[in-house]
Amino acid sequence: MEALRKYADFSGRARRLEYWTFAAVVCVGYVVLVGFGASGASPALVVVAFVFSVMLLVPGLAVTVRRLHDTDHSGWWALIGLVPFVGTVVMLIFTLTESEPGENRFGPCPKRIPAHA
């Protein structure tokens, strides 16, 4: 699976599909954890949630940077997410924006690359 090989790769580009698939899987993981926690938050569940979050920190940042690259923005734009409200809106717009057609300074368009190349 391509995404698993690129979990810490900050270079190149990520399509909207790759980014939002990752986001959906993470959301499902958190929903499952919250579901287990609904019966009563145990210290073990808090530790599991913390480990889950730490494990996803690097892959989440990497796919975000590659998604920004796909829209021809520097990965440093990910820091705008730290700005309350405005940062969230800007990042949402960037991640929903169509890919930059053709090659840009971060590489070829991932839509044009064959899946098994």
PDB file of N, CA and C in Angstrom:
ATOM      1  N   MET A   1       0.844  -1.180   0.000  1.00  0.00           N
ATOM      2  CA  MET A   1       0.000   0.000   0.000  1.00  0.00           C
ATOM      3  C   MET A   1       0.891   1.246   0.000  1.00  0.00           C
ATOM      4  N   GLU A   2       0.662   2.104  -0.955  1.00  0.00           N
ATOM      5  CA  GLU A   2       1.492   3.295  -1.166  1.00  0.00           C
ATOM      6  C   GLU A   2       1.536   4.206   0.059  1.00  0.00           C
ATOM      7  N   ALA A   3       0.410   4.426   0.686  1.00  0.00           N
ATOM      8  CA  ALA A   3       0.342   5.358   1.816  1.00  0.00           C
ATOM      9  C   ALA A   3       1.199   4.884   2.979  1.00  0.00           C
ATOM     10  N   LEU A   4       1.272   3.582   3.206  1.00  0.00           N
ATOM     11  CA  LEU A   4       2.073   3.066   4.318  1.00  0.00           C
ATOM     12  C   LEU A   4       3.566   3.265   4.082  1.00  0.00           C
ATOM     13  N   ARG A   5       3.983   3.251   2.833  1.00  0.00           N
ATOM     14  CA  ARG A   5       5.398   3.468   2.532  1.00  0.00           C
ATOM     15  C   ARG A   5       5.794   4.934   2.657  1.00  0.00           C
ATOM     16  N   LYS A   6       4.810   5.833   2.612  1.00  0.00           N
ATOM     17  CA  LYS A   6       5.106   7.263   2.635  1.00  0.00           C
ATOM     18  C   LYS A   6       4.741   7.907   3.974  1.00  0.00           C
ATOM     19  N   TYR A   7       4.655   7.110   5.042  1.00  0.00           N
ATOM     20  CA  TYR A   7       4.172   7.638   6.311  1.00  0.00           C
ATOM     21  C   TYR A   7       5.030   8.750   6.891  1.00  0.00           C
ATOM     22  N   ALA A   8       6.306   8.802   6.543  1.00  0.00           N
ATOM     23  CA  ALA A   8       7.173   9.863   7.054  1.00  0.00           C
ATOM     24  C   ALA A   8       7.851  10.616   5.911  1.00  0.00           C
ATOM     25  N   ASP A   9       7.256  10.571   4.734  1.00  0.00           N
ATOM     26  CA  ASP A   9       7.812  11.228   3.556  1.00  0.00           C
ATOM     27  C   ASP A   9       7.177  12.610   3.405  1.00  0.00           C
ATOM     28  N   PHE A  10       7.997  13.635   3.579  1.00  0.00           N
ATOM     29  CA  PHE A  10       7.511  15.011   3.499  1.00  0.00           C
ATOM     30  C   PHE A  10       7.722  15.611   2.114  1.00  0.00           C
ATOM     31  N   SER A  11       8.281  14.839   1.190  1.00  0.00           N
ATOM     32  CA  SER A  11       8.519  15.351  -0.162  1.00  0.00           C
ATOM     33  C   SER A  11       7.461  14.800  -1.101  1.00  0.00           C
ATOM     34  N   GLY A  12       7.274  15.475  -2.196  1.00  0.00           N
ATOM     35  CA  GLY A  12       6.300  15.035  -3.170  1.00  0.00           C
ATOM     36  C   GLY A  12       4.928  15.629  -2.919  1.00  0.00           C
ATOM     37  N   ARG A  13       3.940  14.997  -3.501  1.00  0.00           N
ATOM     38  CA  ARG A  13       2.579  15.541  -3.473  1.00  0.00           C
ATOM     39  C   ARG A  13       1.583  14.467  -3.071  1.00  0.00           C
ATOM     40  N   ALA A  14       0.495  14.879  -2.419  1.00  0.00           N
ATOM     41  CA  ALA A  14      -0.572  13.957  -2.030  1.00  0.00           C
ATOM     42  C   ALA A  14      -1.899  14.468  -2.591  1.00  0.00           C
ATOM     43  N   ARG A  15      -2.607  13.596  -3.263  1.00  0.00           N
ATOM     44  CA  ARG A  15      -3.928  13.945  -3.801  1.00  0.00           C
ATOM     45  C   ARG A  15      -4.920  14.162  -2.661  1.00  0.00           C
ATOM     46  N   ARG A  16      -6.033  14.782  -3.006  1.00  0.00           N
ATOM     47  CA  ARG A  16      -7.102  14.962  -2.014  1.00  0.00           C
ATOM     48  C   ARG A  16      -7.561  13.623  -1.474  1.00  0.00           C
ATOM     49  N   LEU A  17      -7.667  12.627  -2.333  1.00  0.00           N
ATOM     50  CA  LEU A  17      -8.118  11.302  -1.913  1.00  0.00           C
ATOM     51  C   LEU A  17      -7.212  10.725  -0.822  1.00  0.00           C
ATOM     52  N   GLU A  18      -5.898  10.820  -1.013  1.00  0.00           N
ATOM     53  CA  GLU A  18      -4.949  10.303  -0.021  1.00  0.00           C
ATOM     54  C   GLU A  18      -5.108  11.043   1.308  1.00  0.00           C
ATOM     55  N   TYR A  19      -5.189  12.365   1.242  1.00  0.00           N
ATOM     56  CA  TYR A  19      -5.300  13.164   2.460  1.00  0.00           C
ATOM     57  C   TYR A  19      -6.596  12.858   3.214  1.00  0.00           C
ATOM     58  N   TRP A  20      -7.720  12.880   2.508  1.00  0.00           N
ATOM     59  CA  TRP A  20      -9.006  12.700   3.174  1.00  0.00           C
ATOM     60  C   TRP A  20      -9.241  11.255   3.590  1.00  0.00           C
ATOM     61  N   THR A  21      -8.641  10.289   2.909  1.00  0.00           N
ATOM     62  CA  THR A  21      -8.713   8.898   3.368  1.00  0.00           C
ATOM     63  C   THR A  21      -7.986   8.763   4.698  1.00  0.00           C
ATOM     64  N   PHE A  22      -6.809   9.362   4.788  1.00  0.00           N
ATOM     65  CA  PHE A  22      -6.065   9.348   6.042  1.00  0.00           C
ATOM     66  C   PHE A  22      -6.894  10.008   7.151  1.00  0.00           C
ATOM     67  N   ALA A  23      -7.479  11.165   6.861  1.00  0.00           N
ATOM     68  CA  ALA A  23      -8.284  11.871   7.861  1.00  0.00           C
ATOM     69  C   ALA A  23      -9.476  11.031   8.307  1.00  0.00           C
ATOM     70  N   ALA A  24     -10.114  10.337   7.387  1.00  0.00           N
ATOM     71  CA  ALA A  24     -11.275   9.503   7.719  1.00  0.00           C
ATOM     72  C   ALA A  24     -10.871   8.324   8.605  1.00  0.00           C
ATOM     73  N   VAL A  25      -9.758   7.686   8.283  1.00  0.00           N
ATOM     74  CA  VAL A  25      -9.286   6.553   9.087  1.00  0.00           C
ATOM     75  C   VAL A  25      -8.945   7.015  10.501  1.00  0.00           C
ATOM     76  N   VAL A  26      -8.308   8.169  10.620  1.00  0.00           N
ATOM     77  CA  VAL A  26      -7.983   8.708  11.947  1.00  0.00           C
ATOM     78  C   VAL A  26      -9.259   9.017  12.722  1.00  0.00           C
ATOM     79  N   CYS A  27     -10.236   9.607  12.059  1.00  0.00           N
ATOM     80  CA  CYS A  27     -11.517   9.913  12.734  1.00  0.00           C
ATOM     81  C   CYS A  27     -12.203   8.643  13.213  1.00  0.00           C
ATOM     82  N   VAL A  28     -12.199   7.609  12.389  1.00  0.00           N
ATOM     83  CA  VAL A  28     -12.799   6.340  12.800  1.00  0.00           C
ATOM     84  C   VAL A  28     -12.052   5.784  14.024  1.00  0.00           C
ATOM     85  N   GLY A  29     -10.741   5.893  14.016  1.00  0.00           N
ATOM     86  CA  GLY A  29      -9.953   5.436  15.168  1.00  0.00           C
ATOM     87  C   GLY A  29     -10.338   6.170  16.442  1.00  0.00           C
ATOM     88  N   TYR A  30     -10.487   7.470  16.351  1.00  0.00           N
ATOM     89  CA  TYR A  30     -10.881   8.247  17.529  1.00  0.00           C
ATOM     90  C   TYR A  30     -12.309   7.932  17.962  1.00  0.00           C
ATOM     91  N   VAL A  31     -13.205   7.708  17.011  1.00  0.00           N
ATOM     92  CA  VAL A  31     -14.589   7.347  17.350  1.00  0.00           C
ATOM     93  C   VAL A  31     -14.613   6.013  18.099  1.00  0.00           C
ATOM     94  N   VAL A  32     -13.809   5.068  17.647  1.00  0.00           N
ATOM     95  CA  VAL A  32     -13.716   3.774  18.339  1.00  0.00           C
ATOM     96  C   VAL A  32     -13.200   3.973  19.759  1.00  0.00           C
ATOM     97  N   LEU A  33     -12.158   4.779  19.908  1.00  0.00           N
ATOM     98  CA  LEU A  33     -11.626   5.041  21.246  1.00  0.00           C
ATOM     99  C   LEU A  33     -12.655   5.720  22.134  1.00  0.00           C
ATOM    100  N   VAL A  34     -13.381   6.678  21.590  1.00  0.00           N
ATOM    101  CA  VAL A  34     -14.426   7.364  22.362  1.00  0.00           C
ATOM    102  C   VAL A  34     -15.540   6.384  22.715  1.00  0.00           C
ATOM    103  N   GLY A  35     -15.853   5.482  21.800  1.00  0.00           N
ATOM    104  CA  GLY A  35     -16.867   4.471  22.067  1.00  0.00           C
ATOM    105  C   GLY A  35     -16.486   3.589  23.244  1.00  0.00           C
ATOM    106  N   PHE A  36     -15.223   3.192  23.301  1.00  0.00           N
ATOM    107  CA  PHE A  36     -14.753   2.415  24.441  1.00  0.00           C
ATOM    108  C   PHE A  36     -14.761   3.253  25.711  1.00  0.00           C
ATOM    109  N   GLY A  37     -14.482   4.525  25.563  1.00  0.00           N
ATOM    110  CA  GLY A  37     -14.431   5.410  26.722  1.00  0.00           C
ATOM    111  C   GLY A  37     -15.795   5.797  27.255  1.00  0.00           C
ATOM    112  N   ALA A  38     -16.847   5.606  26.458  1.00  0.00           N
ATOM    113  CA  ALA A  38     -18.193   5.986  26.887  1.00  0.00           C
ATOM    114  C   ALA A  38     -18.643   5.173  28.095  1.00  0.00           C
ATOM    115  N   SER A  39     -18.108   3.987  28.239  1.00  0.00           N
ATOM    116  CA  SER A  39     -18.482   3.157  29.379  1.00  0.00           C
ATOM    117  C   SER A  39     -17.728   3.563  30.645  1.00  0.00           C
ATOM    118  N   GLY A  40     -16.834   4.492  30.536  1.00  0.00           N
ATOM    119  CA  GLY A  40     -16.050   4.972  31.684  1.00  0.00           C
ATOM    120  C   GLY A  40     -14.587   5.065  31.297  1.00  0.00           C
ATOM    121  N   ALA A  41     -14.025   6.251  31.428  1.00  0.00           N
ATOM    122  CA  ALA A  41     -12.633   6.468  31.028  1.00  0.00           C
ATOM    123  C   ALA A  41     -11.695   5.831  32.046  1.00  0.00           C
ATOM    124  N   SER A  42     -11.009   4.819  31.601  1.00  0.00           N
ATOM    125  CA  SER A  42     -10.034   4.183  32.472  1.00  0.00           C
ATOM    126  C   SER A  42      -8.666   4.772  32.164  1.00  0.00           C
ATOM    127  N   PRO A  43      -7.743   4.689  33.112  1.00  0.00           N
ATOM    128  CA  PRO A  43      -6.387   5.194  32.846  1.00  0.00           C
ATOM    129  C   PRO A  43      -5.739   4.504  31.645  1.00  0.00           C
ATOM    130  N   ALA A  44      -6.046   3.230  31.434  1.00  0.00           N
ATOM    131  CA  ALA A  44      -5.468   2.511  30.299  1.00  0.00           C
ATOM    132  C   ALA A  44      -5.952   3.096  28.980  1.00  0.00           C
ATOM    133  N   LEU A  45      -7.226   3.481  28.917  1.00  0.00           N
ATOM    134  CA  LEU A  45      -7.775   4.064  27.690  1.00  0.00           C
ATOM    135  C   LEU A  45      -7.133   5.420  27.387  1.00  0.00           C
ATOM    136  N   VAL A  46      -6.868   6.176  28.426  1.00  0.00           N
ATOM    137  CA  VAL A  46      -6.193   7.463  28.242  1.00  0.00           C
ATOM    138  C   VAL A  46      -4.796   7.238  27.665  1.00  0.00           C
ATOM    139  N   VAL A  47      -4.103   6.232  28.152  1.00  0.00           N
ATOM    140  CA  VAL A  47      -2.770   5.905  27.640  1.00  0.00           C
ATOM    141  C   VAL A  47      -2.868   5.449  26.183  1.00  0.00           C
ATOM    142  N   VAL A  48      -3.851   4.614  25.866  1.00  0.00           N
ATOM    143  CA  VAL A  48      -4.030   4.142  24.490  1.00  0.00           C
ATOM    144  C   VAL A  48      -4.315   5.320  23.563  1.00  0.00           C
ATOM    145  N   ALA A  49      -5.179   6.242  23.994  1.00  0.00           N
ATOM    146  CA  ALA A  49      -5.495   7.413  23.174  1.00  0.00           C
ATOM    147  C   ALA A  49      -4.253   8.279  22.971  1.00  0.00           C
ATOM    148  N   PHE A  50      -3.433   8.422  23.996  1.00  0.00           N
ATOM    149  CA  PHE A  50      -2.204   9.216  23.892  1.00  0.00           C
ATOM    150  C   PHE A  50      -1.232   8.554  22.908  1.00  0.00           C
ATOM    151  N   VAL A  51      -1.062   7.248  23.029  1.00  0.00           N
ATOM    152  CA  VAL A  51      -0.156   6.517  22.127  1.00  0.00           C
ATOM    153  C   VAL A  51      -0.662   6.608  20.692  1.00  0.00           C
ATOM    154  N   PHE A  52      -1.974   6.470  20.493  1.00  0.00           N
ATOM    155  CA  PHE A  52      -2.580   6.586  19.173  1.00  0.00           C
ATOM    156  C   PHE A  52      -2.278   7.960  18.571  1.00  0.00           C
ATOM    157  N   SER A  53      -2.427   8.998  19.370  1.00  0.00           N
ATOM    158  CA  SER A  53      -2.161  10.364  18.899  1.00  0.00           C
ATOM    159  C   SER A  53      -0.694  10.565  18.538  1.00  0.00           C
ATOM    160  N   VAL A  54       0.201  10.072  19.370  1.00  0.00           N
ATOM    161  CA  VAL A  54       1.635  10.220  19.113  1.00  0.00           C
ATOM    162  C   VAL A  54       2.039   9.434  17.863  1.00  0.00           C
ATOM    163  N   MET A  55       1.465   8.232  17.702  1.00  0.00           N
ATOM    164  CA  MET A  55       1.786   7.419  16.523  1.00  0.00           C
ATOM    165  C   MET A  55       1.352   8.101  15.231  1.00  0.00           C
ATOM    166  N   LEU A  56       0.312   8.894  15.281  1.00  0.00           N
ATOM    167  CA  LEU A  56      -0.212   9.536  14.072  1.00  0.00           C
ATOM    168  C   LEU A  56       0.344  10.936  13.827  1.00  0.00           C
ATOM    169  N   LEU A  57       1.163  11.427  14.731  1.00  0.00           N
ATOM    170  CA  LEU A  57       1.690  12.786  14.593  1.00  0.00           C
ATOM    171  C   LEU A  57       2.533  12.955  13.332  1.00  0.00           C
ATOM    172  N   VAL A  58       3.528  12.124  13.149  1.00  0.00           N
ATOM    173  CA  VAL A  58       4.414  12.245  11.982  1.00  0.00           C
ATOM    174  C   VAL A  58       3.678  11.923  10.681  1.00  0.00           C
ATOM    175  N   PRO A  59       2.929  10.808  10.601  1.00  0.00           N
ATOM    176  CA  PRO A  59       2.209  10.550   9.347  1.00  0.00           C
ATOM    177  C   PRO A  59       1.190  11.634   9.015  1.00  0.00           C
ATOM    178  N   GLY A  60       0.516  12.169  10.018  1.00  0.00           N
ATOM    179  CA  GLY A  60      -0.467  13.231   9.775  1.00  0.00           C
ATOM    180  C   GLY A  60       0.191  14.496   9.258  1.00  0.00           C
ATOM    181  N   LEU A  61       1.307  14.847   9.856  1.00  0.00           N
ATOM    182  CA  LEU A  61       2.030  16.030   9.395  1.00  0.00           C
ATOM    183  C   LEU A  61       2.587  15.808   7.990  1.00  0.00           C
ATOM    184  N   ALA A  62       3.090  14.602   7.725  1.00  0.00           N
ATOM    185  CA  ALA A  62       3.662  14.305   6.402  1.00  0.00           C
ATOM    186  C   ALA A  62       2.607  14.387   5.302  1.00  0.00           C
ATOM    187  N   VAL A  63       1.438  13.783   5.531  1.00  0.00           N
ATOM    188  CA  VAL A  63       0.406  13.826   4.493  1.00  0.00           C
ATOM    189  C   VAL A  63      -0.133  15.247   4.322  1.00  0.00           C
ATOM    190  N   THR A  64      -0.161  16.022   5.387  1.00  0.00           N
ATOM    191  CA  THR A  64      -0.594  17.418   5.291  1.00  0.00           C
ATOM    192  C   THR A  64       0.396  18.235   4.462  1.00  0.00           C
ATOM    193  N   VAL A  65       1.688  18.044   4.720  1.00  0.00           N
ATOM    194  CA  VAL A  65       2.708  18.768   3.949  1.00  0.00           C
ATOM    195  C   VAL A  65       2.641  18.370   2.480  1.00  0.00           C
ATOM    196  N   ARG A  66       2.495  17.071   2.194  1.00  0.00           N
ATOM    197  CA  ARG A  66       2.396  16.643   0.794  1.00  0.00           C
ATOM    198  C   ARG A  66       1.131  17.186   0.137  1.00  0.00           C
ATOM    199  N   ARG A  67       0.039  17.285   0.897  1.00  0.00           N
ATOM    200  CA  ARG A  67      -1.205  17.860   0.342  1.00  0.00           C
ATOM    201  C   ARG A  67      -1.001  19.335   0.020  1.00  0.00           C
ATOM    202  N   LEU A  68      -0.308  20.060   0.902  1.00  0.00           N
ATOM    203  CA  LEU A  68       0.001  21.461   0.627  1.00  0.00           C
ATOM    204  C   LEU A  68       0.885  21.576  -0.614  1.00  0.00           C
ATOM    205  N   HIS A  69       1.844  20.667  -0.743  1.00  0.00           N
ATOM    206  CA  HIS A  69       2.697  20.668  -1.939  1.00  0.00           C
ATOM    207  C   HIS A  69       1.866  20.473  -3.197  1.00  0.00           C
ATOM    208  N   ASP A  70       0.823  19.648  -3.114  1.00  0.00           N
ATOM    209  CA  ASP A  70      -0.004  19.373  -4.279  1.00  0.00           C
ATOM    210  C   ASP A  70      -0.745  20.623  -4.747  1.00  0.00           C
ATOM    211  N   THR A  71      -1.007  21.540  -3.829  1.00  0.00           N
ATOM    212  CA  THR A  71      -1.668  22.801  -4.195  1.00  0.00           C
ATOM    213  C   THR A  71      -0.639  23.919  -4.394  1.00  0.00           C
ATOM    214  N   ASP A  72       0.637  23.525  -4.507  1.00  0.00           N
ATOM    215  CA  ASP A  72       1.765  24.444  -4.743  1.00  0.00           C
ATOM    216  C   ASP A  72       1.986  25.428  -3.589  1.00  0.00           C
ATOM    217  N   HIS A  73       1.816  24.933  -2.362  1.00  0.00           N
ATOM    218  CA  HIS A  73       2.116  25.728  -1.172  1.00  0.00           C
ATOM    219  C   HIS A  73       3.243  25.040  -0.400  1.00  0.00           C
ATOM    220  N   SER A  74       4.049  25.831   0.263  1.00  0.00           N
ATOM    221  CA  SER A  74       5.109  25.286   1.103  1.00  0.00           C
ATOM    222  C   SER A  74       4.498  24.534   2.280  1.00  0.00           C
ATOM    223  N   GLY A  75       5.212  23.524   2.752  1.00  0.00           N
ATOM    224  CA  GLY A  75       4.762  22.775   3.910  1.00  0.00           C
ATOM    225  C   GLY A  75       4.681  23.624   5.172  1.00  0.00           C
ATOM    226  N   TRP A  76       5.394  24.736   5.182  1.00  0.00           N
ATOM    227  CA  TRP A  76       5.359  25.630   6.345  1.00  0.00           C
ATOM    228  C   TRP A  76       3.969  26.230   6.560  1.00  0.00           C
ATOM    229  N   TRP A  77       3.128  26.202   5.532  1.00  0.00           N
ATOM    230  CA  TRP A  77       1.759  26.687   5.691  1.00  0.00           C
ATOM    231  C   TRP A  77       0.985  25.853   6.702  1.00  0.00           C
ATOM    232  N   ALA A  78       1.448  24.654   7.009  1.00  0.00           N
ATOM    233  CA  ALA A  78       0.772  23.821   8.009  1.00  0.00           C
ATOM    234  C   ALA A  78       0.745  24.519   9.364  1.00  0.00           C
ATOM    235  N   LEU A  79       1.712  25.379   9.609  1.00  0.00           N
ATOM    236  CA  LEU A  79       1.763  26.106  10.891  1.00  0.00           C
ATOM    237  C   LEU A  79       0.598  27.080  11.053  1.00  0.00           C
ATOM    238  N   ILE A  80      -0.038  27.466   9.963  1.00  0.00           N
ATOM    239  CA  ILE A  80      -1.169  28.381  10.077  1.00  0.00           C
ATOM    240  C   ILE A  80      -2.326  27.716  10.828  1.00  0.00           C
ATOM    241  N   GLY A  81      -2.320  26.404  10.881  1.00  0.00           N
ATOM    242  CA  GLY A  81      -3.325  25.688  11.645  1.00  0.00           C
ATOM    243  C   GLY A  81      -3.282  25.998  13.130  1.00  0.00           C
ATOM    244  N   LEU A  82      -2.179  26.574  13.591  1.00  0.00           N
ATOM    245  CA  LEU A  82      -2.060  26.955  15.005  1.00  0.00           C
ATOM    246  C   LEU A  82      -2.815  28.235  15.323  1.00  0.00           C
ATOM    247  N   VAL A  83      -3.190  28.987  14.298  1.00  0.00           N
ATOM    248  CA  VAL A  83      -3.942  30.229  14.510  1.00  0.00           C
ATOM    249  C   VAL A  83      -5.414  29.864  14.693  1.00  0.00           C
ATOM    250  N   PRO A  84      -5.998  30.234  15.828  1.00  0.00           N
ATOM    251  CA  PRO A  84      -7.396  29.855  16.071  1.00  0.00           C
ATOM    252  C   PRO A  84      -8.337  30.340  14.963  1.00  0.00           C
ATOM    253  N   PHE A  85      -9.295  29.524  14.620  1.00  0.00           N
ATOM    254  CA  PHE A  85     -10.330  29.725  13.625  1.00  0.00           C
ATOM    255  C   PHE A  85      -9.783  30.018  12.228  1.00  0.00           C
ATOM    256  N   VAL A  86      -9.067  31.108  12.055  1.00  0.00           N
ATOM    257  CA  VAL A  86      -8.559  31.487  10.728  1.00  0.00           C
ATOM    258  C   VAL A  86      -7.671  30.383  10.159  1.00  0.00           C
ATOM    259  N   GLY A  87      -6.806  29.846  10.980  1.00  0.00           N
ATOM    260  CA  GLY A  87      -5.914  28.786  10.525  1.00  0.00           C
ATOM    261  C   GLY A  87      -6.670  27.557  10.078  1.00  0.00           C
ATOM    262  N   THR A  88      -7.720  27.196  10.800  1.00  0.00           N
ATOM    263  CA  THR A  88      -8.536  26.041  10.433  1.00  0.00           C
ATOM    264  C   THR A  88      -9.222  26.269   9.093  1.00  0.00           C
ATOM    265  N   VAL A  89      -9.760  27.454   8.894  1.00  0.00           N
ATOM    266  CA  VAL A  89     -10.443  27.775   7.639  1.00  0.00           C
ATOM    267  C   VAL A  89      -9.453  27.750   6.471  1.00  0.00           C
ATOM    268  N   VAL A  90      -8.285  28.355   6.650  1.00  0.00           N
ATOM    269  CA  VAL A  90      -7.275  28.386   5.583  1.00  0.00           C
ATOM    270  C   VAL A  90      -6.831  26.965   5.236  1.00  0.00           C
ATOM    271  N   MET A  91      -6.560  26.131   6.248  1.00  0.00           N
ATOM    272  CA  MET A  91      -6.133  24.758   5.983  1.00  0.00           C
ATOM    273  C   MET A  91      -7.239  23.952   5.301  1.00  0.00           C
ATOM    274  N   LEU A  92      -8.477  24.179   5.689  1.00  0.00           N
ATOM    275  CA  LEU A  92      -9.595  23.492   5.048  1.00  0.00           C
ATOM    276  C   LEU A  92      -9.666  23.860   3.571  1.00  0.00           C
ATOM    277  N   ILE A  93      -9.497  25.137   3.276  1.00  0.00           N
ATOM    278  CA  ILE A  93      -9.513  25.593   1.885  1.00  0.00           C
ATOM    279  C   ILE A  93      -8.351  24.964   1.103  1.00  0.00           C
ATOM    280  N   PHE A  94      -7.157  24.983   1.682  1.00  0.00           N
ATOM    281  CA  PHE A  94      -5.990  24.409   1.003  1.00  0.00           C
ATOM    282  C   PHE A  94      -6.169  22.912   0.744  1.00  0.00           C
ATOM    283  N   THR A  95      -6.720  22.183   1.717  1.00  0.00           N
ATOM    284  CA  THR A  95      -6.842  20.732   1.545  1.00  0.00           C
ATOM    285  C   THR A  95      -7.986  20.344   0.619  1.00  0.00           C
ATOM    286  N   LEU A  96      -8.945  21.240   0.436  1.00  0.00           N
ATOM    287  CA  LEU A  96     -10.060  20.971  -0.478  1.00  0.00           C
ATOM    288  C   LEU A  96      -9.796  21.461  -1.904  1.00  0.00           C
ATOM    289  N   THR A  97      -8.762  22.267  -2.076  1.00  0.00           N
ATOM    290  CA  THR A  97      -8.438  22.835  -3.384  1.00  0.00           C
ATOM    291  C   THR A  97      -7.984  21.743  -4.349  1.00  0.00           C
ATOM    292  N   GLU A  98      -8.381  21.884  -5.607  1.00  0.00           N
ATOM    293  CA  GLU A  98      -7.967  20.962  -6.668  1.00  0.00           C
ATOM    294  C   GLU A  98      -6.442  20.969  -6.798  1.00  0.00           C
ATOM    295  N   SER A  99      -5.891  19.848  -7.210  1.00  0.00           N
ATOM    296  CA  SER A  99      -4.442  19.732  -7.424  1.00  0.00           C
ATOM    297  C   SER A  99      -3.963  20.741  -8.449  1.00  0.00           C
ATOM    298  N   GLU A 100      -2.734  21.173  -8.289  1.00  0.00           N
ATOM    299  CA  GLU A 100      -2.084  22.020  -9.278  1.00  0.00           C
ATOM    300  C   GLU A 100      -1.850  21.134 -10.509  1.00  0.00           C
ATOM    301  N   PRO A 101      -2.396  21.506 -11.670  1.00  0.00           N
ATOM    302  CA  PRO A 101      -2.250  20.631 -12.841  1.00  0.00           C
ATOM    303  C   PRO A 101      -0.794  20.557 -13.309  1.00  0.00           C
ATOM    304  N   GLY A 102      -0.420  19.414 -13.776  1.00  0.00           N
ATOM    305  CA  GLY A 102       0.939  19.236 -14.287  1.00  0.00           C
ATOM    306  C   GLY A 102       1.961  19.210 -13.177  1.00  0.00           C
ATOM    307  N   GLU A 103       3.197  19.401 -13.562  1.00  0.00           N
ATOM    308  CA  GLU A 103       4.296  19.379 -12.598  1.00  0.00           C
ATOM    309  C   GLU A 103       4.428  20.748 -11.940  1.00  0.00           C
ATOM    310  N   ASN A 104       4.714  20.754 -10.640  1.00  0.00           N
ATOM    311  CA  ASN A 104       5.039  22.001  -9.960  1.00  0.00           C
ATOM    312  C   ASN A 104       6.390  21.835  -9.275  1.00  0.00           C
ATOM    313  N   ARG A 105       6.784  22.772  -8.455  1.00  0.00           N
ATOM    314  CA  ARG A 105       8.120  22.738  -7.852  1.00  0.00           C
ATOM    315  C   ARG A 105       8.312  21.570  -6.889  1.00  0.00           C
ATOM    316  N   PHE A 106       7.223  20.865  -6.539  1.00  0.00           N
ATOM    317  CA  PHE A 106       7.309  19.746  -5.606  1.00  0.00           C
ATOM    318  C   PHE A 106       7.235  18.394  -6.299  1.00  0.00           C
ATOM    319  N   GLY A 107       7.073  18.396  -7.608  1.00  0.00           N
ATOM    320  CA  GLY A 107       7.064  17.141  -8.347  1.00  0.00           C
ATOM    321  C   GLY A 107       5.900  17.038  -9.307  1.00  0.00           C
ATOM    322  N   PRO A 108       5.789  15.870  -9.934  1.00  0.00           N
ATOM    323  CA  PRO A 108       4.713  15.657 -10.902  1.00  0.00           C
ATOM    324  C   PRO A 108       3.360  15.519 -10.211  1.00  0.00           C
ATOM    325  N   CYS A 109       2.321  15.775 -10.961  1.00  0.00           N
ATOM    326  CA  CYS A 109       0.958  15.655 -10.442  1.00  0.00           C
ATOM    327  C   CYS A 109       0.669  14.193 -10.129  1.00  0.00           C
ATOM    328  N   PRO A 110       0.254  13.862  -8.901  1.00  0.00           N
ATOM    329  CA  PRO A 110       0.012  12.455  -8.560  1.00  0.00           C
ATOM    330  C   PRO A 110      -1.166  11.847  -9.307  1.00  0.00           C
ATOM    331  N   LYS A 111      -2.045  12.653  -9.863  1.00  0.00           N
ATOM    332  CA  LYS A 111      -3.156  12.121 -10.651  1.00  0.00           C
ATOM    333  C   LYS A 111      -2.670  11.523 -11.950  1.00  0.00           C
ATOM    334  N   ARG A 112      -1.557  11.992 -12.448  1.00  0.00           N
ATOM    335  CA  ARG A 112      -1.049  11.567 -13.750  1.00  0.00           C
ATOM    336  C   ARG A 112      -0.061  10.405 -13.639  1.00  0.00           C
ATOM    337  N   ILE A 113       0.293  10.014 -12.414  1.00  0.00           N
ATOM    338  CA  ILE A 113       1.247   8.930 -12.216  1.00  0.00           C
ATOM    339  C   ILE A 113       0.473   7.619 -12.130  1.00  0.00           C
ATOM    340  N   PRO A 114       0.854   6.594 -12.908  1.00  0.00           N
ATOM    341  CA  PRO A 114       0.160   5.304 -12.827  1.00  0.00           C
ATOM    342  C   PRO A 114       0.247   4.737 -11.419  1.00  0.00           C
ATOM    343  N   ALA A 115      -0.781   4.038 -10.988  1.00  0.00           N
ATOM    344  CA  ALA A 115      -0.862   3.503  -9.622  1.00  0.00           C
ATOM    345  C   ALA A 115       0.249   2.491  -9.319  1.00  0.00           C
ATOM    346  N   HIS A 116       0.688   1.725 -10.299  1.00  0.00           N
ATOM    347  CA  HIS A 116       1.672   0.685 -10.057  1.00  0.00           C
ATOM    348  C   HIS A 116       3.000   0.996 -10.739  1.00  0.00           C
ATOM    349  N   ALA A 117       3.379   2.257 -10.743  1.00  0.00           N
ATOM    350  CA  ALA A 117       4.630   2.643 -11.399  1.00  0.00           C
ATOM    351  C   ALA A 117       5.817   2.413 -10.500  1.00  0.00           C
TER     352      ALA A 117
END
